[in-house]
N, C-alpha and C. Protein backbone atom coordinates (compact mmCIF):
# COMPACT_ATOMS: atom_id res chain seq x y z
N MET A 1 0.84 -1.17 0.10
CA MET A 1 -0.03 0.02 -0.06
C MET A 1 0.89 1.26 0.01
N ALA A 2 2.21 1.12 0.14
CA ALA A 2 3.10 2.16 -0.09
C ALA A 2 3.06 3.31 0.88
N GLY A 3 2.33 2.99 2.03
CA GLY A 3 2.21 4.01 3.08
C GLY A 3 1.34 5.26 2.68
N ARG A 4 0.58 5.15 1.64
CA ARG A 4 -0.08 6.45 1.16
C ARG A 4 -1.41 6.68 2.00
N VAL A 5 -1.92 5.67 2.70
CA VAL A 5 -3.14 5.78 3.39
C VAL A 5 -2.97 5.79 4.89
N ARG A 6 -3.58 6.78 5.47
CA ARG A 6 -3.60 6.77 6.97
C ARG A 6 -4.93 6.99 7.51
N VAL A 7 -5.17 6.43 8.68
CA VAL A 7 -6.51 6.44 9.43
C VAL A 7 -6.17 6.94 10.79
N ASN A 8 -6.66 8.12 11.22
CA ASN A 8 -6.50 8.73 12.51
C ASN A 8 -4.91 8.86 12.73
N GLY A 9 -4.16 9.25 11.67
CA GLY A 9 -2.80 9.52 11.89
C GLY A 9 -1.90 8.33 11.76
N SER A 10 -2.46 7.15 11.75
CA SER A 10 -1.62 5.93 11.58
C SER A 10 -1.69 5.32 10.18
N THR A 11 -0.46 4.92 9.73
CA THR A 11 -0.37 4.43 8.36
C THR A 11 -1.00 3.01 8.38
N VAL A 12 -1.90 2.75 7.28
CA VAL A 12 -2.49 1.53 7.16
C VAL A 12 -1.55 0.60 6.37
N THR A 13 -1.38 -0.61 6.98
CA THR A 13 -0.45 -1.60 6.37
C THR A 13 -1.20 -2.86 6.09
N VAL A 14 -2.42 -3.00 6.53
CA VAL A 14 -3.14 -4.24 6.19
C VAL A 14 -4.32 -3.91 5.33
N LEU A 15 -4.31 -4.64 4.19
CA LEU A 15 -5.38 -4.47 3.09
C LEU A 15 -6.77 -4.99 3.78
N GLY A 16 -7.84 -4.22 3.69
CA GLY A 16 -9.13 -4.53 4.12
C GLY A 16 -9.35 -4.00 5.54
N THR A 17 -8.49 -3.09 6.06
CA THR A 17 -8.78 -2.48 7.35
C THR A 17 -10.02 -1.73 7.37
N GLN A 18 -10.76 -2.03 8.43
CA GLN A 18 -12.10 -1.42 8.52
C GLN A 18 -12.03 -0.12 9.17
N VAL A 19 -12.79 0.86 8.59
CA VAL A 19 -12.95 2.19 9.22
C VAL A 19 -14.37 2.70 9.14
N ASP A 20 -14.61 3.69 10.00
CA ASP A 20 -15.89 4.31 10.09
C ASP A 20 -15.85 5.77 9.45
N PRO A 21 -16.36 6.02 8.37
CA PRO A 21 -16.26 7.20 7.73
C PRO A 21 -16.87 8.36 8.51
N GLN A 22 -17.85 8.01 9.36
CA GLN A 22 -18.43 9.04 10.16
C GLN A 22 -17.58 9.55 11.29
N HIS A 23 -16.57 8.78 11.72
CA HIS A 23 -15.91 9.21 12.88
C HIS A 23 -14.32 9.15 12.66
N ASP A 24 -13.85 8.40 11.73
CA ASP A 24 -12.35 8.16 11.43
C ASP A 24 -11.93 9.31 10.48
N LEU A 25 -10.63 9.75 10.67
CA LEU A 25 -10.02 10.74 9.76
C LEU A 25 -9.15 9.88 8.78
N ILE A 26 -9.58 9.83 7.52
CA ILE A 26 -9.04 9.11 6.44
C ILE A 26 -8.25 10.09 5.56
N GLU A 27 -6.89 9.69 5.30
CA GLU A 27 -6.03 10.54 4.57
C GLU A 27 -5.39 9.76 3.43
N VAL A 28 -5.24 10.30 2.27
CA VAL A 28 -4.37 9.67 1.26
C VAL A 28 -3.37 10.60 0.75
N ASP A 29 -2.15 10.36 0.80
CA ASP A 29 -0.99 11.18 0.48
C ASP A 29 -1.09 12.45 1.33
N GLY A 30 -1.63 12.46 2.58
CA GLY A 30 -1.61 13.54 3.45
C GLY A 30 -2.82 14.40 3.35
N GLN A 31 -3.72 14.04 2.31
CA GLN A 31 -4.98 14.92 2.07
C GLN A 31 -6.27 14.14 2.66
N PRO A 32 -7.03 14.86 3.42
CA PRO A 32 -8.20 14.25 4.03
C PRO A 32 -9.20 13.74 2.88
N VAL A 33 -9.79 12.68 3.13
CA VAL A 33 -10.70 12.11 2.01
C VAL A 33 -12.12 11.99 2.76
N SER A 34 -13.10 12.47 2.05
CA SER A 34 -14.48 12.38 2.66
C SER A 34 -15.22 11.25 1.85
N VAL A 35 -15.78 10.45 2.63
CA VAL A 35 -16.55 9.29 2.07
C VAL A 35 -18.00 9.59 2.08
N SER A 36 -18.76 9.68 0.94
CA SER A 36 -20.17 9.91 1.01
C SER A 36 -21.02 8.84 1.56
N SER A 37 -21.91 9.14 2.41
CA SER A 37 -22.84 8.17 3.01
C SER A 37 -24.25 8.45 2.47
N ALA A 38 -24.40 9.31 1.40
CA ALA A 38 -25.66 9.67 0.91
C ALA A 38 -26.35 8.47 0.37
N ARG A 39 -27.59 8.27 0.57
CA ARG A 39 -28.46 7.31 0.08
C ARG A 39 -29.41 7.83 -1.02
N ALA A 40 -29.86 6.95 -1.86
CA ALA A 40 -30.84 7.44 -2.86
C ALA A 40 -32.28 6.89 -2.49
N TYR A 41 -33.27 7.85 -2.61
CA TYR A 41 -34.64 7.58 -2.38
C TYR A 41 -35.53 8.06 -3.45
N LEU A 42 -36.04 7.16 -4.31
CA LEU A 42 -36.90 7.56 -5.41
C LEU A 42 -38.30 7.09 -5.24
N LEU A 43 -39.24 7.99 -5.59
CA LEU A 43 -40.67 7.65 -5.69
C LEU A 43 -41.03 7.41 -7.14
N LEU A 44 -41.55 6.25 -7.45
CA LEU A 44 -41.83 5.98 -8.85
C LEU A 44 -43.44 5.72 -9.04
N ASN A 45 -44.01 6.19 -10.01
CA ASN A 45 -45.31 5.76 -10.33
C ASN A 45 -45.30 4.78 -11.42
N LYS A 46 -45.48 3.40 -10.86
CA LYS A 46 -45.23 2.22 -11.58
C LYS A 46 -46.43 2.04 -12.64
N PRO A 47 -46.09 1.85 -13.84
CA PRO A 47 -47.30 1.53 -14.86
C PRO A 47 -47.47 -0.01 -14.82
N ALA A 48 -48.54 -0.47 -15.34
CA ALA A 48 -48.84 -1.78 -15.53
C ALA A 48 -47.81 -2.40 -16.56
N GLY A 49 -47.47 -3.66 -16.40
CA GLY A 49 -46.65 -4.25 -17.31
C GLY A 49 -45.13 -4.32 -16.92
N TYR A 50 -44.80 -3.83 -15.67
CA TYR A 50 -43.44 -3.84 -15.21
C TYR A 50 -43.40 -4.60 -13.92
N LEU A 51 -42.34 -5.47 -13.76
CA LEU A 51 -42.10 -6.27 -12.59
C LEU A 51 -41.45 -5.33 -11.49
N SER A 52 -41.93 -5.59 -10.41
CA SER A 52 -41.33 -4.94 -9.13
C SER A 52 -40.13 -5.59 -8.63
N THR A 53 -39.09 -5.78 -9.40
CA THR A 53 -37.93 -6.44 -9.08
C THR A 53 -36.63 -5.74 -9.64
N ALA A 54 -35.60 -6.12 -9.18
CA ALA A 54 -34.32 -5.54 -9.74
C ALA A 54 -34.01 -6.06 -11.13
N ARG A 55 -34.37 -7.45 -11.32
CA ARG A 55 -33.95 -8.08 -12.54
C ARG A 55 -34.84 -9.31 -12.77
N ASP A 56 -35.02 -9.68 -13.97
CA ASP A 56 -35.88 -10.84 -14.35
C ASP A 56 -35.17 -11.87 -15.15
N SER A 57 -35.12 -13.05 -14.78
CA SER A 57 -34.35 -14.11 -15.48
C SER A 57 -34.97 -14.39 -16.93
N ARG A 58 -36.19 -14.02 -17.16
CA ARG A 58 -36.91 -14.14 -18.46
C ARG A 58 -36.78 -12.87 -19.36
N GLY A 59 -36.15 -11.90 -18.81
CA GLY A 59 -35.91 -10.72 -19.66
C GLY A 59 -37.15 -9.75 -19.78
N ARG A 60 -38.09 -9.93 -18.83
CA ARG A 60 -39.16 -9.10 -18.99
C ARG A 60 -38.85 -7.67 -18.31
N PRO A 61 -39.59 -6.56 -18.73
CA PRO A 61 -39.26 -5.24 -18.22
C PRO A 61 -39.44 -5.12 -16.71
N THR A 62 -38.51 -4.50 -15.97
CA THR A 62 -38.63 -4.26 -14.51
C THR A 62 -38.68 -2.73 -14.35
N VAL A 63 -39.05 -2.36 -13.03
CA VAL A 63 -39.19 -1.08 -12.70
C VAL A 63 -37.95 -0.29 -12.76
N LEU A 64 -36.78 -1.00 -12.72
CA LEU A 64 -35.50 -0.29 -12.84
C LEU A 64 -35.23 0.20 -14.30
N ASP A 65 -35.91 -0.39 -15.27
CA ASP A 65 -35.80 0.06 -16.62
C ASP A 65 -36.38 1.49 -16.80
N LEU A 66 -37.10 1.87 -15.85
CA LEU A 66 -37.71 3.24 -15.84
C LEU A 66 -36.91 4.24 -15.21
N VAL A 67 -35.83 3.90 -14.57
CA VAL A 67 -35.01 4.82 -13.77
C VAL A 67 -33.59 4.78 -14.26
N ALA A 68 -33.09 5.94 -14.54
CA ALA A 68 -31.60 6.05 -14.87
C ALA A 68 -30.86 6.34 -13.58
N SER A 69 -30.01 5.39 -13.18
CA SER A 69 -29.41 5.65 -11.80
C SER A 69 -28.00 4.92 -11.82
N THR A 70 -27.06 5.55 -11.27
CA THR A 70 -25.71 5.02 -11.07
C THR A 70 -25.69 4.13 -9.79
N THR A 71 -26.72 4.32 -9.06
CA THR A 71 -26.79 3.60 -7.75
C THR A 71 -27.53 2.26 -7.81
N ARG A 72 -27.20 1.21 -7.13
CA ARG A 72 -27.95 0.02 -7.18
C ARG A 72 -29.12 0.08 -6.31
N LEU A 73 -30.27 0.19 -6.96
CA LEU A 73 -31.52 0.42 -6.25
C LEU A 73 -32.42 -0.78 -6.21
N TYR A 74 -33.21 -0.95 -5.14
CA TYR A 74 -34.05 -2.01 -4.93
C TYR A 74 -35.40 -1.53 -4.61
N PRO A 75 -36.50 -2.22 -5.03
CA PRO A 75 -37.91 -1.77 -4.75
C PRO A 75 -38.27 -2.21 -3.30
N VAL A 76 -39.00 -1.29 -2.62
CA VAL A 76 -39.38 -1.64 -1.34
C VAL A 76 -40.87 -2.19 -1.42
N GLY A 77 -40.93 -3.56 -1.17
CA GLY A 77 -42.26 -4.12 -1.44
C GLY A 77 -42.50 -4.34 -2.83
N ARG A 78 -43.59 -4.80 -3.20
CA ARG A 78 -43.94 -5.21 -4.54
C ARG A 78 -45.30 -4.71 -5.00
N LEU A 79 -45.48 -4.47 -6.18
CA LEU A 79 -46.77 -4.35 -6.91
C LEU A 79 -46.72 -5.35 -8.03
N ASP A 80 -47.76 -6.19 -8.10
CA ASP A 80 -47.79 -7.26 -9.17
C ASP A 80 -47.76 -6.61 -10.58
N LEU A 81 -47.50 -7.48 -11.57
CA LEU A 81 -47.28 -7.05 -12.96
C LEU A 81 -48.33 -6.04 -13.39
N ASP A 82 -49.52 -6.33 -13.11
CA ASP A 82 -50.76 -5.59 -13.65
C ASP A 82 -51.05 -4.40 -12.78
N SER A 83 -50.46 -4.28 -11.60
CA SER A 83 -50.81 -3.16 -10.71
C SER A 83 -50.00 -1.98 -11.00
N GLU A 84 -50.49 -0.85 -10.48
CA GLU A 84 -49.78 0.49 -10.69
C GLU A 84 -49.54 1.22 -9.47
N GLY A 85 -48.90 2.41 -9.60
CA GLY A 85 -48.91 3.28 -8.54
C GLY A 85 -47.46 3.44 -7.79
N LEU A 86 -47.58 3.88 -6.54
CA LEU A 86 -46.47 4.31 -5.78
C LEU A 86 -45.59 3.13 -5.40
N LEU A 87 -44.27 3.24 -5.79
CA LEU A 87 -43.20 2.35 -5.38
C LEU A 87 -41.98 2.97 -5.03
N LEU A 88 -41.48 2.74 -3.84
CA LEU A 88 -40.23 3.26 -3.37
C LEU A 88 -39.07 2.47 -3.77
N LEU A 89 -38.06 3.24 -4.38
CA LEU A 89 -36.84 2.59 -4.78
C LEU A 89 -35.71 3.17 -3.96
N THR A 90 -34.81 2.37 -3.34
CA THR A 90 -33.75 2.91 -2.51
C THR A 90 -32.60 1.91 -2.43
N ASP A 91 -31.49 2.43 -1.97
CA ASP A 91 -30.32 1.58 -1.65
C ASP A 91 -30.03 1.55 -0.14
N ASP A 92 -31.13 1.98 0.57
CA ASP A 92 -30.99 2.07 2.06
C ASP A 92 -31.67 0.75 2.52
N GLY A 93 -30.78 -0.30 2.70
CA GLY A 93 -31.30 -1.60 3.09
C GLY A 93 -31.92 -1.66 4.47
N GLU A 94 -31.39 -0.88 5.40
CA GLU A 94 -31.90 -0.92 6.75
C GLU A 94 -33.32 -0.27 6.80
N LEU A 95 -33.59 0.84 6.03
CA LEU A 95 -34.76 1.37 6.04
C LEU A 95 -35.84 0.52 5.32
N ALA A 96 -35.42 -0.11 4.24
CA ALA A 96 -36.36 -1.07 3.55
C ALA A 96 -36.79 -2.15 4.35
N GLN A 97 -35.91 -2.77 5.19
CA GLN A 97 -36.36 -3.89 6.01
C GLN A 97 -37.33 -3.54 7.00
N ARG A 98 -37.07 -2.18 7.57
CA ARG A 98 -38.07 -1.79 8.59
C ARG A 98 -39.32 -1.49 8.01
N LEU A 99 -39.39 -0.90 6.80
CA LEU A 99 -40.70 -0.54 6.29
C LEU A 99 -41.52 -1.76 5.85
N LEU A 100 -40.78 -2.89 5.58
CA LEU A 100 -41.44 -4.13 5.17
C LEU A 100 -41.89 -5.03 6.30
N HIS A 101 -41.25 -4.74 7.51
CA HIS A 101 -41.58 -5.65 8.64
C HIS A 101 -42.97 -5.47 9.20
N PRO A 102 -43.83 -6.50 9.30
CA PRO A 102 -45.12 -6.46 9.81
C PRO A 102 -45.32 -5.78 11.09
N SER A 103 -44.31 -5.76 11.93
CA SER A 103 -44.48 -5.18 13.35
C SER A 103 -44.68 -3.74 13.18
N PHE A 104 -44.29 -3.03 12.12
CA PHE A 104 -44.42 -1.61 12.09
C PHE A 104 -45.70 -1.10 11.51
N GLU A 105 -46.58 -2.09 10.91
CA GLU A 105 -47.90 -1.87 10.43
C GLU A 105 -48.05 -0.56 9.70
N HIS A 106 -47.30 -0.32 8.63
CA HIS A 106 -47.33 0.92 7.93
C HIS A 106 -48.60 0.81 6.97
N GLU A 107 -49.37 1.79 6.89
CA GLU A 107 -50.57 1.92 6.11
C GLU A 107 -50.12 1.98 4.63
N LYS A 108 -50.95 1.33 3.86
CA LYS A 108 -50.84 1.35 2.32
C LYS A 108 -52.30 1.58 1.88
N GLU A 109 -52.41 2.55 1.04
CA GLU A 109 -53.64 2.95 0.45
C GLU A 109 -53.71 2.77 -0.92
N TYR A 110 -54.83 2.21 -1.39
CA TYR A 110 -55.05 1.86 -2.86
C TYR A 110 -56.35 2.32 -3.33
N HIS A 111 -56.42 2.71 -4.67
CA HIS A 111 -57.67 2.87 -5.31
C HIS A 111 -57.89 1.73 -6.28
N VAL A 112 -59.03 0.99 -6.15
CA VAL A 112 -59.22 -0.22 -6.81
C VAL A 112 -60.48 -0.12 -7.58
N CYS A 113 -60.44 -0.54 -8.93
CA CYS A 113 -61.59 -0.57 -9.73
C CYS A 113 -62.09 -2.07 -9.71
N VAL A 114 -63.37 -2.24 -9.38
CA VAL A 114 -63.84 -3.70 -9.27
C VAL A 114 -65.07 -3.76 -10.23
N GLU A 115 -65.36 -4.97 -10.79
CA GLU A 115 -66.51 -5.13 -11.62
C GLU A 115 -67.73 -5.16 -10.72
N GLY A 116 -68.76 -4.49 -11.31
CA GLY A 116 -70.12 -4.41 -10.63
C GLY A 116 -70.18 -3.37 -9.53
N ARG A 117 -71.15 -3.47 -8.75
CA ARG A 117 -71.38 -2.54 -7.64
C ARG A 117 -71.50 -3.25 -6.28
N PRO A 118 -70.56 -3.29 -5.48
CA PRO A 118 -70.62 -4.02 -4.22
C PRO A 118 -71.73 -3.29 -3.32
N THR A 119 -72.47 -4.24 -2.64
CA THR A 119 -73.57 -3.72 -1.69
C THR A 119 -72.83 -3.41 -0.47
N ALA A 120 -73.70 -2.66 0.38
CA ALA A 120 -73.18 -2.22 1.79
C ALA A 120 -72.71 -3.47 2.55
N ARG A 121 -73.38 -4.53 2.43
CA ARG A 121 -72.97 -5.78 3.16
C ARG A 121 -71.67 -6.25 2.74
N THR A 122 -71.45 -6.20 1.33
CA THR A 122 -70.14 -6.72 0.79
C THR A 122 -69.01 -5.78 1.23
N LEU A 123 -69.16 -4.49 1.27
CA LEU A 123 -68.16 -3.55 1.77
C LEU A 123 -67.81 -3.87 3.21
N GLN A 124 -68.87 -4.20 4.01
CA GLN A 124 -68.66 -4.47 5.40
C GLN A 124 -67.82 -5.86 5.54
N ARG A 125 -68.02 -6.71 4.78
CA ARG A 125 -67.35 -8.02 4.78
C ARG A 125 -65.84 -7.71 4.50
N LEU A 126 -65.64 -6.86 3.57
CA LEU A 126 -64.24 -6.51 3.25
C LEU A 126 -63.47 -5.79 4.42
N ARG A 127 -64.34 -4.95 5.04
CA ARG A 127 -63.72 -4.11 6.16
C ARG A 127 -63.36 -5.17 7.39
N GLU A 128 -64.25 -6.09 7.56
CA GLU A 128 -64.07 -7.11 8.76
C GLU A 128 -63.01 -8.14 8.52
N GLY A 129 -62.78 -8.49 7.25
CA GLY A 129 -61.72 -9.53 6.93
C GLY A 129 -62.37 -10.59 6.11
N ILE A 130 -61.61 -11.06 5.18
CA ILE A 130 -62.04 -12.18 4.17
C ILE A 130 -61.18 -13.33 4.41
N GLU A 131 -61.92 -14.58 4.47
CA GLU A 131 -61.12 -15.83 4.60
C GLU A 131 -60.59 -16.14 3.21
N LEU A 132 -59.30 -16.22 3.20
CA LEU A 132 -58.56 -16.66 1.89
C LEU A 132 -57.91 -17.95 2.25
N GLU A 133 -57.19 -18.56 1.19
CA GLU A 133 -56.53 -19.78 1.40
C GLU A 133 -55.42 -19.76 2.34
N ASP A 134 -54.88 -18.65 2.74
CA ASP A 134 -53.73 -18.41 3.66
C ASP A 134 -54.31 -17.79 4.98
N GLY A 135 -55.58 -17.82 5.27
CA GLY A 135 -56.20 -17.30 6.49
C GLY A 135 -56.97 -16.11 6.27
N PHE A 136 -57.51 -15.62 7.45
CA PHE A 136 -58.33 -14.45 7.32
C PHE A 136 -57.47 -13.17 7.19
N THR A 137 -57.92 -12.16 6.42
CA THR A 137 -57.22 -10.88 6.28
C THR A 137 -57.49 -10.06 7.57
N TRP A 138 -56.66 -9.14 7.90
CA TRP A 138 -56.89 -8.25 8.91
C TRP A 138 -57.87 -7.38 8.56
N PRO A 139 -58.66 -6.62 9.62
CA PRO A 139 -59.60 -5.53 9.21
C PRO A 139 -58.98 -4.46 8.31
N ALA A 140 -59.77 -3.93 7.41
CA ALA A 140 -59.29 -3.00 6.42
C ALA A 140 -60.27 -1.81 6.42
N LYS A 141 -59.74 -0.68 5.92
CA LYS A 141 -60.73 0.53 5.71
C LYS A 141 -61.07 0.41 4.29
N VAL A 142 -62.40 0.44 4.03
CA VAL A 142 -62.91 0.31 2.70
C VAL A 142 -63.97 1.40 2.43
N ASP A 143 -63.82 2.22 1.45
CA ASP A 143 -64.81 3.25 1.20
C ASP A 143 -65.18 3.19 -0.34
N ASP A 144 -66.46 3.47 -0.61
CA ASP A 144 -66.93 3.59 -1.99
C ASP A 144 -66.62 4.93 -2.56
N LEU A 145 -65.84 4.97 -3.59
CA LEU A 145 -65.39 6.27 -4.13
C LEU A 145 -66.30 6.79 -5.22
N ARG A 146 -66.53 6.01 -6.29
CA ARG A 146 -67.39 6.43 -7.44
C ARG A 146 -67.69 5.16 -8.27
N HIS A 147 -68.51 5.46 -9.32
CA HIS A 147 -68.98 4.41 -10.26
C HIS A 147 -68.79 4.97 -11.60
N ASP A 148 -68.10 3.96 -12.50
CA ASP A 148 -67.84 4.37 -13.78
C ASP A 148 -68.17 3.24 -14.74
N ASP A 149 -69.18 3.33 -15.45
CA ASP A 149 -69.44 2.31 -16.60
C ASP A 149 -69.19 0.88 -16.19
N GLY A 150 -69.95 0.46 -15.26
CA GLY A 150 -69.87 -0.90 -14.78
C GLY A 150 -68.90 -1.28 -13.78
N CYS A 151 -68.12 -0.22 -13.42
CA CYS A 151 -66.92 -0.41 -12.57
C CYS A 151 -67.15 0.48 -11.25
N THR A 152 -66.72 -0.14 -10.10
CA THR A 152 -66.87 0.72 -8.90
C THR A 152 -65.38 0.93 -8.36
N TRP A 153 -65.09 2.14 -8.11
CA TRP A 153 -63.68 2.48 -7.52
C TRP A 153 -63.92 2.45 -6.03
N LEU A 154 -63.07 1.63 -5.40
CA LEU A 154 -62.96 1.49 -3.94
C LEU A 154 -61.65 2.01 -3.39
N ARG A 155 -61.70 2.54 -2.21
CA ARG A 155 -60.53 3.03 -1.56
C ARG A 155 -60.26 2.03 -0.43
N PHE A 156 -59.05 1.36 -0.49
CA PHE A 156 -58.62 0.42 0.52
C PHE A 156 -57.47 1.05 1.26
N VAL A 157 -57.52 0.80 2.65
CA VAL A 157 -56.30 1.16 3.49
C VAL A 157 -55.96 -0.17 4.25
N ILE A 158 -54.86 -0.69 4.09
CA ILE A 158 -54.51 -1.97 4.72
C ILE A 158 -53.06 -1.90 5.27
N HIS A 159 -52.76 -2.87 6.16
CA HIS A 159 -51.51 -2.90 6.76
C HIS A 159 -50.64 -4.26 6.36
N GLU A 160 -51.43 -5.16 5.86
CA GLU A 160 -50.77 -6.33 5.34
C GLU A 160 -50.12 -6.19 3.96
N GLY A 161 -49.32 -7.18 3.57
CA GLY A 161 -48.80 -7.24 2.28
C GLY A 161 -48.72 -8.54 1.58
N ARG A 162 -49.81 -9.35 1.81
CA ARG A 162 -49.81 -10.66 1.16
C ARG A 162 -49.80 -10.57 -0.29
N LYS A 163 -49.40 -11.58 -0.99
CA LYS A 163 -49.29 -11.62 -2.39
C LYS A 163 -50.75 -11.50 -3.07
N ARG A 164 -50.89 -10.56 -3.91
CA ARG A 164 -52.13 -10.27 -4.62
C ARG A 164 -53.34 -10.20 -3.69
N GLN A 165 -53.10 -9.69 -2.52
CA GLN A 165 -54.18 -9.74 -1.38
C GLN A 165 -55.52 -9.04 -1.85
N LEU A 166 -55.48 -7.80 -2.37
CA LEU A 166 -56.68 -7.13 -2.68
C LEU A 166 -57.40 -7.75 -3.79
N ARG A 167 -56.71 -8.36 -4.84
CA ARG A 167 -57.23 -8.96 -5.76
C ARG A 167 -58.06 -10.17 -5.40
N ARG A 168 -57.35 -10.91 -4.54
CA ARG A 168 -58.06 -12.20 -4.03
C ARG A 168 -59.21 -11.89 -3.04
N MET A 169 -59.08 -10.78 -2.34
CA MET A 169 -60.26 -10.26 -1.46
C MET A 169 -61.56 -9.96 -2.35
N CYS A 170 -61.26 -9.12 -3.38
CA CYS A 170 -62.31 -8.71 -4.14
C CYS A 170 -62.99 -9.80 -4.97
N ALA A 171 -62.04 -10.80 -5.45
CA ALA A 171 -62.54 -11.92 -6.20
C ALA A 171 -63.44 -12.81 -5.31
N ALA A 172 -63.03 -12.92 -4.01
CA ALA A 172 -63.71 -13.73 -3.03
C ALA A 172 -65.16 -13.24 -2.83
N VAL A 173 -65.48 -11.89 -2.88
CA VAL A 173 -66.75 -11.40 -2.78
C VAL A 173 -67.58 -11.17 -3.98
N GLY A 174 -66.94 -11.67 -5.17
CA GLY A 174 -67.63 -11.70 -6.42
C GLY A 174 -67.49 -10.38 -7.20
N HIS A 175 -66.41 -9.66 -6.97
CA HIS A 175 -66.25 -8.38 -7.69
C HIS A 175 -64.63 -8.31 -8.13
N PRO A 176 -64.29 -9.06 -9.16
CA PRO A 176 -62.90 -9.07 -9.57
C PRO A 176 -62.37 -7.71 -9.93
N VAL A 177 -60.99 -7.52 -9.69
CA VAL A 177 -60.35 -6.26 -9.87
C VAL A 177 -60.06 -5.99 -11.33
N ARG A 178 -60.43 -4.94 -11.83
CA ARG A 178 -60.05 -4.46 -13.26
C ARG A 178 -58.76 -3.63 -13.20
N ARG A 179 -58.71 -2.80 -12.20
CA ARG A 179 -57.39 -1.98 -12.13
C ARG A 179 -57.14 -1.66 -10.65
N LEU A 180 -55.73 -1.58 -10.28
CA LEU A 180 -55.36 -1.44 -8.90
C LEU A 180 -54.26 -0.41 -8.93
N ILE A 181 -54.43 0.67 -8.10
CA ILE A 181 -53.47 1.74 -8.09
C ILE A 181 -52.98 2.03 -6.56
N ARG A 182 -51.74 1.94 -6.26
CA ARG A 182 -51.35 2.28 -4.88
C ARG A 182 -51.02 3.86 -4.87
N VAL A 183 -51.75 4.53 -3.97
CA VAL A 183 -51.66 5.98 -3.99
C VAL A 183 -50.85 6.42 -2.67
N ARG A 184 -50.61 5.58 -1.83
CA ARG A 184 -49.94 6.06 -0.57
C ARG A 184 -49.31 4.87 0.14
N MET A 185 -48.07 5.12 0.75
CA MET A 185 -47.44 4.09 1.50
C MET A 185 -46.88 4.91 2.77
N GLY A 186 -47.39 4.70 3.96
CA GLY A 186 -47.05 5.36 5.07
C GLY A 186 -47.26 6.82 4.86
N PRO A 187 -46.23 7.70 5.18
CA PRO A 187 -46.35 9.18 4.96
C PRO A 187 -46.10 9.62 3.46
N LEU A 188 -45.74 8.65 2.57
CA LEU A 188 -45.59 9.05 1.19
C LEU A 188 -46.81 8.95 0.37
N ALA A 189 -47.11 9.96 -0.44
CA ALA A 189 -48.26 10.09 -1.21
C ALA A 189 -47.84 10.18 -2.73
N LEU A 190 -48.56 9.49 -3.68
CA LEU A 190 -48.26 9.55 -5.01
C LEU A 190 -48.44 10.85 -5.64
N GLY A 191 -49.44 11.53 -5.22
CA GLY A 191 -49.70 12.93 -5.69
C GLY A 191 -50.02 12.88 -7.22
N ASP A 192 -49.54 13.99 -8.01
CA ASP A 192 -49.86 14.03 -9.49
C ASP A 192 -48.66 13.58 -10.14
N LEU A 193 -47.92 12.76 -9.69
CA LEU A 193 -46.77 12.15 -10.44
C LEU A 193 -47.24 11.30 -11.62
N ALA A 194 -46.89 11.62 -12.87
CA ALA A 194 -47.40 10.84 -14.07
C ALA A 194 -46.90 9.41 -14.06
N SER A 195 -47.75 8.62 -14.70
CA SER A 195 -47.35 7.20 -14.91
C SER A 195 -46.04 7.01 -15.50
N GLY A 196 -45.09 6.20 -14.96
CA GLY A 196 -43.92 5.90 -15.54
C GLY A 196 -42.76 6.90 -15.10
N GLU A 197 -43.12 7.96 -14.47
CA GLU A 197 -42.22 9.04 -14.04
C GLU A 197 -41.79 8.75 -12.58
N HIS A 198 -40.69 9.43 -12.21
CA HIS A 198 -40.17 9.18 -10.90
C HIS A 198 -39.47 10.52 -10.43
N ARG A 199 -39.27 10.57 -9.06
CA ARG A 199 -38.70 11.77 -8.48
C ARG A 199 -37.96 11.47 -7.30
N ALA A 200 -36.92 12.20 -6.91
CA ALA A 200 -36.11 12.05 -5.63
C ALA A 200 -37.09 12.49 -4.48
N LEU A 201 -37.07 11.87 -3.40
CA LEU A 201 -37.76 12.27 -2.15
C LEU A 201 -37.07 13.55 -1.61
N ALA A 202 -37.85 14.47 -1.16
CA ALA A 202 -37.37 15.56 -0.50
C ALA A 202 -36.78 15.15 0.91
N PRO A 203 -35.81 15.94 1.40
CA PRO A 203 -35.24 15.63 2.71
C PRO A 203 -36.33 15.40 3.84
N GLY A 204 -37.33 16.24 3.87
CA GLY A 204 -38.38 16.07 4.78
C GLY A 204 -39.22 14.79 4.63
N GLU A 205 -39.32 14.25 3.43
CA GLU A 205 -39.96 13.00 3.16
C GLU A 205 -39.13 11.79 3.67
N VAL A 206 -37.82 11.87 3.50
CA VAL A 206 -36.83 10.95 4.00
C VAL A 206 -36.97 10.94 5.48
N GLY A 207 -36.96 12.07 6.10
CA GLY A 207 -37.05 12.17 7.53
C GLY A 207 -38.30 11.53 8.06
N MET A 208 -39.48 11.76 7.46
CA MET A 208 -40.70 11.22 7.83
C MET A 208 -40.62 9.64 7.73
N LEU A 209 -39.93 9.21 6.77
CA LEU A 209 -39.95 7.78 6.45
C LEU A 209 -39.10 7.14 7.58
N ARG A 210 -38.00 7.75 7.79
CA ARG A 210 -37.03 7.19 8.85
C ARG A 210 -37.73 7.24 10.31
N LYS A 211 -38.53 8.23 10.53
CA LYS A 211 -39.19 8.34 11.87
C LYS A 211 -40.26 7.27 11.84
N ALA A 212 -41.03 7.06 10.80
CA ALA A 212 -42.01 6.07 10.79
C ALA A 212 -41.47 4.64 11.02
N ALA A 213 -40.25 4.49 10.57
CA ALA A 213 -39.56 3.20 10.66
C ALA A 213 -38.77 2.99 11.93
N GLY A 214 -38.75 4.03 12.86
CA GLY A 214 -38.06 4.00 14.07
C GLY A 214 -36.59 4.23 13.97
N LEU A 215 -36.19 4.95 12.87
CA LEU A 215 -34.68 5.30 12.60
C LEU A 215 -34.39 6.68 12.61
N GLU A 216 -34.97 7.43 13.67
CA GLU A 216 -34.76 8.85 13.76
C GLU A 216 -33.23 9.08 14.15
């Protein structure tokens, strides 16, 4: 290593020496070196037809195809191939794990277009929980938003994240899903971001996310 690197005034002689960039003084050829600990946080409005994964062995399009980034990003949670809406992409693994852990019970809000017009009793069943093949769903908030040409738009707020949960719930009560859009995840809202577009989170949004995940 030719004695070019020093940590806290001591010359590094062992390759792979561990340092803490937040607390250790690192110098190369006598000049201080700053190591960036910045993380990337992007909010994407996922269109239908894209997989919520970093890569696909079958070569199908993924959400990362919509984002030009030099950072290795990962989706936080998933929206199935046909679903749309808010998806968080980040390289902050600790935050992602916290947001996905069931113990934190982060709310997720969806606008869902279902076939037909559910009755008041059907909506109440959805609120109380539906028995699926993997057990009863937790209670959900369900509101009737509007009716469009044989389709009813419902607003769901849930804490769970089972595979295709809302689609299975609606099919179980006789109202298959035509379209599903996630509009909120915890403190993050989709807003008027166009389909297929993405933006960086503002520092305040990152702070709210970290607070919600217990990482203040």
